[in-house]
C-alpha atoms as a PDB file:
ATOM      1  CA  MET A   1     170.293  75.555 -56.986  1.00  0.00           C
ATOM      2  CA  ASN A   2     174.074  75.502 -57.179  1.00  0.00           C
ATOM      3  CA  SER A   3     176.711  78.087 -58.127  1.00  0.00           C
ATOM      4  CA  GLU A   4     176.890  76.825 -61.699  1.00  0.00           C
ATOM      5  CA  GLN A   5     173.139  77.338 -62.116  1.00  0.00           C
ATOM      6  CA  TYR A   6     173.487  80.755 -60.470  1.00  0.00           C
ATOM      7  CA  ASN A   7     176.100  81.803 -63.045  1.00  0.00           C
ATOM      8  CA  GLU A   8     173.862  80.506 -65.815  1.00  0.00           C
ATOM      9  CA  SER A   9     170.995  82.601 -64.409  1.00  0.00           C
ATOM     10  CA  VAL A  10     173.172  85.711 -64.471  1.00  0.00           C
ATOM     11  CA  ASP A  11     173.989  85.077 -68.137  1.00  0.00           C
ATOM     12  CA  LEU A  12     170.375  84.373 -69.078  1.00  0.00           C
ATOM     13  CA  TYR A  13     168.438  87.024 -67.181  1.00  0.00           C
ATOM     14  CA  ALA A  14     170.640  90.016 -66.317  1.00  0.00           C
ATOM     15  CA  ASP A  15     170.150  91.834 -69.622  1.00  0.00           C
ATOM     16  CA  GLY A  16     166.371  91.408 -69.668  1.00  0.00           C
ATOM     17  CA  MET A  17     166.083  92.538 -66.063  1.00  0.00           C
ATOM     18  CA  PHE A  18     168.280  95.553 -66.790  1.00  0.00           C
ATOM     19  CA  ARG A  19     166.108  96.572 -69.777  1.00  0.00           C
ATOM     20  CA  PHE A  20     162.937  96.220 -67.710  1.00  0.00           C
ATOM     21  CA  ILE A  21     164.235  98.255 -64.766  1.00  0.00           C
ATOM     22  CA  LEU A  22     165.883 100.887 -66.977  1.00  0.00           C
ATOM     23  CA  LYS A  23     162.641 101.453 -68.906  1.00  0.00           C
ATOM     24  CA  ASN A  24     160.908 102.089 -65.600  1.00  0.00           C
ATOM     25  CA  ILE A  25     163.365 104.342 -63.782  1.00  0.00           C
ATOM     26  CA  LYS A  26     165.445 105.877 -66.616  1.00  0.00           C
ATOM     27  CA  ASP A  27     168.698 105.833 -64.629  1.00  0.00           C
ATOM     28  CA  GLU A  28     171.383 103.366 -65.692  1.00  0.00           C
ATOM     29  CA  ASP A  29     173.318 103.501 -62.419  1.00  0.00           C
ATOM     30  CA  LYS A  30     170.237 102.876 -60.290  1.00  0.00           C
ATOM     31  CA  ALA A  31     169.129 100.114 -62.660  1.00  0.00           C
ATOM     32  CA  ARG A  32     172.533  98.418 -62.334  1.00  0.00           C
ATOM     33  CA  ASP A  33     172.329  98.723 -58.542  1.00  0.00           C
ATOM     34  CA  ILE A  34     168.872  97.137 -58.517  1.00  0.00           C
ATOM     35  CA  ILE A  35     170.042  94.248 -60.696  1.00  0.00           C
ATOM     36  CA  GLN A  36     173.116  93.738 -58.518  1.00  0.00           C
ATOM     37  CA  ASP A  37     170.964  93.785 -55.367  1.00  0.00           C
ATOM     38  CA  SER A  38     168.616  91.224 -56.920  1.00  0.00           C
ATOM     39  CA  PHE A  39     171.430  88.847 -57.769  1.00  0.00           C
ATOM     40  CA  GLU A  40     172.933  89.364 -54.308  1.00  0.00           C
ATOM     41  CA  LYS A  41     169.591  88.411 -52.724  1.00  0.00           C
ATOM     42  CA  LEU A  42     169.485  85.336 -54.953  1.00  0.00           C
ATOM     43  CA  TRP A  43     173.031  84.385 -53.907  1.00  0.00           C
ATOM     44  CA  ARG A  44     172.172  84.733 -50.218  1.00  0.00           C
ATOM     45  CA  ASN A  45     169.039  82.656 -50.780  1.00  0.00           C
ATOM     46  CA  ILE A  46     170.559  80.166 -53.254  1.00  0.00           C
ATOM     47  CA  GLU A  47     169.595  77.018 -51.324  1.00  0.00           C
ATOM     48  CA  ASN A  48     165.924  78.037 -51.110  1.00  0.00           C
ATOM     49  CA  VAL A  49     165.347  79.013 -54.756  1.00  0.00           C
ATOM     50  CA  ASN A  50     164.312  76.389 -57.272  1.00  0.00           C
ATOM     51  CA  HIS A  51     166.396  76.665 -60.470  1.00  0.00           C
ATOM     52  CA  GLN A  52     163.261  76.306 -62.591  1.00  0.00           C
ATOM     53  CA  LYS A  53     161.688  79.353 -60.902  1.00  0.00           C
ATOM     54  CA  VAL A  54     164.775  81.565 -60.756  1.00  0.00           C
ATOM     55  CA  LYS A  55     163.603  83.899 -63.570  1.00  0.00           C
ATOM     56  CA  SER A  56     160.387  84.712 -61.749  1.00  0.00           C
ATOM     57  CA  TYR A  57     162.290  85.108 -58.476  1.00  0.00           C
ATOM     58  CA  LEU A  58     164.778  87.525 -60.034  1.00  0.00           C
ATOM     59  CA  PHE A  59     162.206  89.681 -61.823  1.00  0.00           C
ATOM     60  CA  THR A  60     159.998  89.778 -58.729  1.00  0.00           C
ATOM     61  CA  THR A  61     162.951  90.765 -56.539  1.00  0.00           C
ATOM     62  CA  ALA A  62     164.081  93.428 -59.014  1.00  0.00           C
ATOM     63  CA  TYR A  63     160.537  94.784 -59.326  1.00  0.00           C
ATOM     64  CA  HIS A  64     160.084  95.078 -55.565  1.00  0.00           C
ATOM     65  CA  THR A  65     163.521  96.640 -55.127  1.00  0.00           C
ATOM     66  CA  MET A  66     162.648  99.165 -57.839  1.00  0.00           C
ATOM     67  CA  ILE A  67     159.325 100.005 -56.166  1.00  0.00           C
ATOM     68  CA  ASP A  68     161.107 100.511 -52.832  1.00  0.00           C
ATOM     69  CA  LEU A  69     163.592 102.861 -54.514  1.00  0.00           C
ATOM     70  CA  ILE A  70     160.806 104.824 -56.200  1.00  0.00           C
ATOM     71  CA  ARG A  71     158.951 105.195 -52.910  1.00  0.00           C
ATOM     72  CA  ARG A  72     162.113 106.365 -51.133  1.00  0.00           C
ATOM     73  CA  GLU A  73     162.775 108.943 -53.822  1.00  0.00           C
ATOM     74  CA  LYS A  74     159.190 110.190 -53.746  1.00  0.00           C
ATOM     75  CA  ARG A  75     159.634 110.925 -50.077  1.00  0.00           C
ATOM     76  CA  LYS A  76     162.705 112.981 -50.897  1.00  0.00           C
ATOM     77  CA  GLU A  77     161.020 115.122 -53.548  1.00  0.00           C
ATOM     78  CA  ASP A  78     157.558 116.561 -53.701  1.00  0.00           C
ATOM     79  CA  PHE A  79     156.562 116.198 -57.343  1.00  0.00           C
ATOM     80  CA  GLU A  80     153.232 117.956 -56.860  1.00  0.00           C
ATOM     81  CA  ASN A  81     155.014 121.302 -56.469  1.00  0.00           C
ATOM     82  CA  VAL A  82     156.980 120.973 -59.709  1.00  0.00           C
ATOM     83  CA  ASP A  83     155.794 123.172 -62.576  1.00  0.00           C
ATOM     84  CA  VAL A  84     155.370 120.684 -65.405  1.00  0.00           C
ATOM     85  CA  LYS A  85     155.452 123.424 -68.046  1.00  0.00           C
ATOM     86  CA  MET A  86     159.065 124.180 -67.137  1.00  0.00           C
ATOM     87  CA  TYR A  87     160.131 120.625 -67.971  1.00  0.00           C
ATOM     88  CA  SER A  88     157.985 119.886 -70.994  1.00  0.00           C
ATOM     89  CA  HIS A  89     157.744 121.127 -74.531  1.00  0.00           C
ATOM     90  CA  SER A  90     155.368 120.728 -77.429  1.00  0.00           C
ATOM     91  CA  ASP A  91     157.909 120.162 -80.203  1.00  0.00           C
ATOM     92  CA  GLN A  92     156.989 117.549 -82.738  1.00  0.00           C
ATOM     93  CA  TYR A  93     158.631 114.158 -82.524  1.00  0.00           C
ATOM     94  CA  SER A  94     159.842 112.281 -85.535  1.00  0.00           C
ATOM     95  CA  ASP A  95     161.267 109.269 -83.750  1.00  0.00           C
ATOM     96  CA  VAL A  96     158.882 106.488 -82.744  1.00  0.00           C
ATOM     97  CA  LYS A  97     161.086 105.441 -79.823  1.00  0.00           C
ATOM     98  CA  GLU A  98     160.940 108.955 -78.379  1.00  0.00           C
ATOM     99  CA  ILE A  99     157.166 109.027 -78.784  1.00  0.00           C
ATOM    100  CA  LEU A 100     156.789 105.653 -77.061  1.00  0.00           C
ATOM    101  CA  ASP A 101     159.148 106.648 -74.247  1.00  0.00           C
ATOM    102  CA  ALA A 102     157.203 109.872 -73.710  1.00  0.00           C
ATOM    103  CA  ALA A 103     153.932 107.947 -73.761  1.00  0.00           C
ATOM    104  CA  LEU A 104     155.266 105.420 -71.227  1.00  0.00           C
ATOM    105  CA  GLU A 105     156.305 108.289 -68.957  1.00  0.00           C
ATOM    106  CA  LYS A 106     152.664 109.443 -68.825  1.00  0.00           C
ATOM    107  CA  LEU A 107     151.555 106.116 -67.334  1.00  0.00           C
ATOM    108  CA  SER A 108     151.386 105.407 -63.622  1.00  0.00           C
ATOM    109  CA  ASP A 109     154.184 103.268 -62.170  1.00  0.00           C
ATOM    110  CA  ILE A 110     152.079 100.106 -62.029  1.00  0.00           C
ATOM    111  CA  GLN A 111     150.667 100.584 -65.542  1.00  0.00           C
ATOM    112  CA  ARG A 112     154.150 101.151 -66.948  1.00  0.00           C
ATOM    113  CA  SER A 113     155.449  98.062 -65.165  1.00  0.00           C
ATOM    114  CA  VAL A 114     152.720  95.713 -66.397  1.00  0.00           C
ATOM    115  CA  ILE A 115     152.941  97.056 -69.970  1.00  0.00           C
ATOM    116  CA  LEU A 116     156.711  96.587 -70.004  1.00  0.00           C
ATOM    117  CA  LEU A 117     156.462  93.092 -68.555  1.00  0.00           C
ATOM    118  CA  ARG A 118     153.764  92.092 -71.048  1.00  0.00           C
ATOM    119  CA  ASP A 119     154.760  93.858 -74.262  1.00  0.00           C
ATOM    120  CA  TYR A 120     158.528  94.272 -73.894  1.00  0.00           C
ATOM    121  CA  GLU A 121     159.480  91.171 -71.928  1.00  0.00           C
ATOM    122  CA  GLY A 122     156.673  88.831 -73.096  1.00  0.00           C
ATOM    123  CA  TYR A 123     155.392  87.600 -69.728  1.00  0.00           C
ATOM    124  CA  SER A 124     151.971  85.990 -69.408  1.00  0.00           C
ATOM    125  CA  TYR A 125     149.246  87.540 -67.290  1.00  0.00           C
ATOM    126  CA  ALA A 126     149.819  84.909 -64.598  1.00  0.00           C
ATOM    127  CA  GLU A 127     153.568  85.598 -64.483  1.00  0.00           C
ATOM    128  CA  ILE A 128     152.970  89.358 -64.278  1.00  0.00           C
ATOM    129  CA  ALA A 129     150.470  88.807 -61.475  1.00  0.00           C
ATOM    130  CA  SER A 130     153.045  86.773 -59.598  1.00  0.00           C
ATOM    131  CA  ILE A 131     155.790  89.354 -60.077  1.00  0.00           C
ATOM    132  CA  THR A 132     153.670  92.375 -59.112  1.00  0.00           C
ATOM    133  CA  ASP A 133     151.552  90.775 -56.367  1.00  0.00           C
ATOM    134  CA  LEU A 134     148.360  91.572 -58.269  1.00  0.00           C
ATOM    135  CA  THR A 135     145.556  89.295 -59.402  1.00  0.00           C
ATOM    136  CA  GLU A 136     145.353  88.316 -63.053  1.00  0.00           C
ATOM    137  CA  SER A 137     142.191  90.411 -63.357  1.00  0.00           C
ATOM    138  CA  GLN A 138     143.979  93.460 -61.981  1.00  0.00           C
ATOM    139  CA  VAL A 139     146.850  92.892 -64.397  1.00  0.00           C
ATOM    140  CA  LYS A 140     144.442  92.719 -67.336  1.00  0.00           C
ATOM    141  CA  VAL A 141     142.682  95.902 -66.218  1.00  0.00           C
ATOM    142  CA  TYR A 142     145.960  97.797 -65.788  1.00  0.00           C
ATOM    143  CA  ILE A 143     147.182  96.636 -69.198  1.00  0.00           C
ATOM    144  CA  TYR A 144     143.874  97.582 -70.848  1.00  0.00           C
ATOM    145  CA  ARG A 145     143.879 101.034 -69.276  1.00  0.00           C
ATOM    146  CA  ALA A 146     147.545 101.598 -70.080  1.00  0.00           C
ATOM    147  CA  ARG A 147     147.054 100.624 -73.729  1.00  0.00           C
ATOM    148  CA  LYS A 148     143.993 102.831 -73.958  1.00  0.00           C
ATOM    149  CA  HIS A 149     145.975 105.751 -72.514  1.00  0.00           C
ATOM    150  CA  LEU A 150     148.893 105.089 -74.879  1.00  0.00           C
ATOM    151  CA  LYS A 151     146.525 105.007 -77.840  1.00  0.00           C
ATOM    152  CA  GLN A 152     144.952 108.321 -76.817  1.00  0.00           C
ATOM    153  CA  TYR A 153     148.349 109.915 -76.205  1.00  0.00           C
ATOM    154  CA  ILE A 154     149.815 108.802 -79.516  1.00  0.00           C
ATOM    155  CA  GLY A 155     146.605 109.793 -81.297  1.00  0.00           C
ATOM    156  CA  SER A 156     146.795 113.274 -79.794  1.00  0.00           C
ATOM    157  CA  ILE A 157     150.333 113.642 -81.130  1.00  0.00           C
ATOM    158  CA  GLU A 158     149.181 112.641 -84.626  1.00  0.00           C
ATOM    159  CA  THR A 159     146.539 115.380 -84.615  1.00  0.00           C
ATOM    160  CA  LEU A 160     149.218 117.964 -83.859  1.00  0.00           C
ATOM    161  CA  VAL A 161     151.242 116.992 -86.928  1.00  0.00           C
END
């Protein structure tokens, strides 16, 4: 890979990576930092990365960087001691995007990641398995369970209306 191909990769993949990371961590500054770190790692490793596999390399790097950040932050805060009732409400939602975002928040980190990679970014099961270091079977199970949970969550909102 050369610097021209690197610049092309930035143009092609930065926005998609940013959307994926932002949907997971909900913090624009941290998402930008993760994307910048991923492209920095690619730059430092430019001779060893095949141009045809750069998309997978970038998304995998961004995913792992995001997971590391999440784990670091979990060590800083103890979420089990937070009173969820203080930070939630039962108001009705009229916006589908808000409902989907709330539903995605209810998923575990890995379920949210595989759903976003599959349904938002359009990756195949094999590509998701490669990015997340899971088997294809595990990816399919996580996606099935996440979709089932999303369906139940959205259905429970409909019954409140």
